Protein backbone atom coordinates (compact mmCIF):
# COMPACT_ATOMS: atom_id res chain seq x y z
CA UNK A 1 -2.45 -1.95 41.70
CA UNK A 2 1.05 -3.31 42.37
CA UNK A 3 1.04 -5.28 39.08
CA UNK A 4 0.10 -2.14 37.16
CA UNK A 5 3.01 -0.24 38.72
CA UNK A 6 5.47 -3.04 37.86
CA UNK A 7 4.31 -3.16 34.23
CA UNK A 8 4.61 0.61 33.92
CA UNK A 9 8.11 0.53 35.45
CA UNK A 10 9.14 -2.29 33.10
CA UNK A 11 7.80 -0.40 30.08
CA UNK A 12 9.65 2.76 31.10
CA UNK A 13 12.86 0.77 31.63
CA UNK A 14 12.56 -0.72 28.14
CA UNK A 15 11.76 2.66 26.58
CA UNK A 16 14.83 4.27 28.14
CA UNK A 17 17.21 1.39 27.48
CA UNK A 18 18.14 2.75 24.07
CA UNK A 19 17.21 -0.48 22.28
CA UNK A 20 15.90 0.10 18.77
CA UNK A 21 14.64 -2.82 16.73
CA UNK A 22 14.20 -2.29 13.01
CA UNK A 23 12.81 -4.93 10.70
CA UNK A 24 13.08 -4.59 6.94
CA UNK A 25 12.02 -7.97 5.58
CA UNK A 26 8.37 -6.95 5.36
CA UNK A 27 8.96 -3.26 4.70
CA UNK A 28 6.80 -1.58 2.12
CA UNK A 29 8.17 -0.58 -1.27
CA UNK A 30 6.98 2.77 -2.66
CA UNK A 31 5.85 3.07 -6.27
CA UNK A 32 4.27 5.60 -8.63
CA UNK A 33 2.83 5.77 -12.12
CA UNK A 34 0.77 8.13 -14.25
CA UNK A 35 -1.49 8.00 -17.26
CA UNK A 36 -3.06 10.67 -19.48
CA UNK A 37 -5.71 10.80 -22.18
CA UNK A 38 -7.72 13.64 -23.72
CA UNK A 39 -9.67 15.21 -20.86
CA UNK A 40 -7.93 13.60 -17.89
CA UNK A 41 -4.54 13.03 -16.32
CA UNK A 42 -3.91 10.86 -13.27
CA UNK A 43 -0.97 10.26 -10.94
CA UNK A 44 -0.96 7.45 -8.39
CA UNK A 45 1.47 6.54 -5.63
CA UNK A 46 1.30 3.52 -3.32
CA UNK A 47 3.27 1.10 -1.19
CA UNK A 48 3.61 -2.53 -2.22
CA UNK A 49 3.51 -5.59 -0.03
CA UNK A 50 3.01 -9.16 -1.19
CA UNK A 51 -0.78 -9.15 -0.87
CA UNK A 52 -1.78 -5.51 -0.40
CA UNK A 53 -1.45 -1.99 -1.70
CA UNK A 54 -1.39 0.65 1.03
CA UNK A 55 -1.13 4.42 1.21
CA UNK A 56 -2.67 4.69 -2.26
CA UNK A 57 -2.94 8.34 -3.30
CA UNK A 58 -4.61 9.41 -6.54
CA UNK A 59 -4.46 12.87 -8.11
CA UNK A 60 -7.18 13.21 -10.77
CA UNK A 61 -7.02 16.25 -13.08
CA UNK A 62 -9.90 17.28 -15.36
CA UNK A 63 -8.10 18.82 -18.35
CA UNK A 64 -11.07 19.52 -20.66
CA UNK A 65 -14.00 21.89 -20.45
CA UNK A 66 -16.46 19.34 -21.81
CA UNK A 67 -18.86 18.86 -18.83
CA UNK A 68 -17.80 15.21 -18.43
CA UNK A 69 -16.69 13.80 -15.10
CA UNK A 70 -13.32 12.05 -15.03
CA UNK A 71 -12.08 9.24 -12.81
CA UNK A 72 -9.34 6.75 -12.11
CA UNK A 73 -9.12 3.19 -10.88
CA UNK A 74 -6.56 0.41 -10.72
CA UNK A 75 -6.75 -3.08 -12.07
CA UNK A 76 -4.98 -5.36 -9.60
CA UNK A 77 -3.57 -8.65 -10.90
CA UNK A 78 -2.99 -11.60 -8.57
CA UNK A 79 -1.59 -15.10 -8.96
CA UNK A 80 -5.10 -16.55 -8.61
CA UNK A 81 -6.77 -13.90 -10.79
CA UNK A 82 -4.41 -13.09 -13.68
CA UNK A 83 -7.22 -11.19 -15.49
CA UNK A 84 -7.33 -8.66 -12.66
CA UNK A 85 -9.83 -7.07 -10.31
CA UNK A 86 -10.88 -3.44 -10.65
CA UNK A 87 -10.73 -1.15 -7.63
CA UNK A 88 -13.45 1.42 -6.96
CA UNK A 89 -13.67 4.40 -9.31
CA UNK A 90 -12.34 7.63 -7.81
CA UNK A 91 -14.02 10.64 -9.43
CA UNK A 92 -13.27 14.25 -10.12
CA UNK A 93 -16.67 15.88 -10.73
CA UNK A 94 -15.44 19.42 -10.07
CA UNK A 95 -15.16 20.42 -13.72
CA UNK A 96 -12.80 22.16 -16.09
CA UNK A 97 -9.22 22.57 -14.87
CA UNK A 98 -9.86 21.09 -11.43
CA UNK A 99 -7.80 18.64 -9.40
CA UNK A 100 -9.18 16.17 -6.86
CA UNK A 101 -7.05 14.02 -4.56
CA UNK A 102 -8.10 10.71 -3.04
CA UNK A 103 -5.69 9.86 -0.22
CA UNK A 104 -4.67 7.00 2.07
CA UNK A 105 -6.62 4.24 0.33
CA UNK A 106 -5.79 0.53 0.42
CA UNK A 107 -6.47 -2.70 -1.43
CA UNK A 108 -6.09 -6.13 0.14
CA UNK A 109 -5.94 -9.40 -1.78
CA UNK A 110 -6.30 -12.96 -0.51
CA UNK A 111 -3.16 -13.97 -2.40
CA UNK A 112 -0.04 -12.45 -3.95
CA UNK A 113 -0.47 -9.33 -6.07
CA UNK A 114 1.67 -9.66 -9.20
CA UNK A 115 1.11 -6.13 -10.51
CA UNK A 116 -1.27 -3.30 -11.40
CA UNK A 117 -2.36 -1.02 -14.21
CA UNK A 118 -3.68 2.50 -13.60
CA UNK A 119 -6.63 3.77 -15.67
CA UNK A 120 -7.55 7.36 -16.57
CA UNK A 121 -11.16 7.62 -17.77
CA UNK A 122 -13.67 10.14 -19.06
CA UNK A 123 -17.29 9.43 -18.07
CA UNK A 124 -18.74 10.24 -21.48
CA UNK A 125 -21.76 9.04 -23.45
CA UNK A 126 -21.98 5.27 -23.87
CA UNK A 127 -19.07 3.24 -22.59
CA UNK A 128 -16.46 5.38 -20.87
CA UNK A 129 -13.24 6.35 -22.67
CA UNK A 130 -10.23 4.99 -20.77
CA UNK A 131 -6.49 4.72 -21.24
CA UNK A 132 -4.35 2.40 -19.13
CA UNK A 133 -0.78 2.65 -17.94
CA UNK A 134 1.89 0.10 -18.63
CA UNK A 135 2.03 -2.88 -16.25
CA UNK A 136 3.73 -2.20 -12.91
CA UNK A 137 5.30 -5.35 -11.44
CA UNK A 138 5.14 -5.97 -7.71
CA UNK A 139 8.77 -6.17 -6.50
CA UNK A 140 7.59 -8.05 -3.38
CA UNK A 141 6.38 -11.08 -5.38
CA UNK A 142 8.62 -13.31 -7.46
């Protein structure tokens, strides 16, 4: 019981001491990109770190009245996999003129992420129709 009281008192003393420690070396770096094709437009935002993407938010807009679902995904490129790895598809199945948001997602890699491309796709007959964004370089990896 006495130990608990001492720890609480020490914690309160530290909290009221006015000491604020801020570290920036590992701070995240915010990024955004968008891509559009007939039937779909997508906006994505995320935070970079060397080996992860965090706070990924997708906004997927169905811009055609053609009864096809639309979706987005990222292709994440790493130093060990320069051909890239696709993230899960994030769908908008709500139809003509609708917007669906997919929020607070993350992607973790076992090594440094060099960059990404965002894809906007229409789930149509046969292979899906997709358009990709330009390459976004990871500013946390040299």
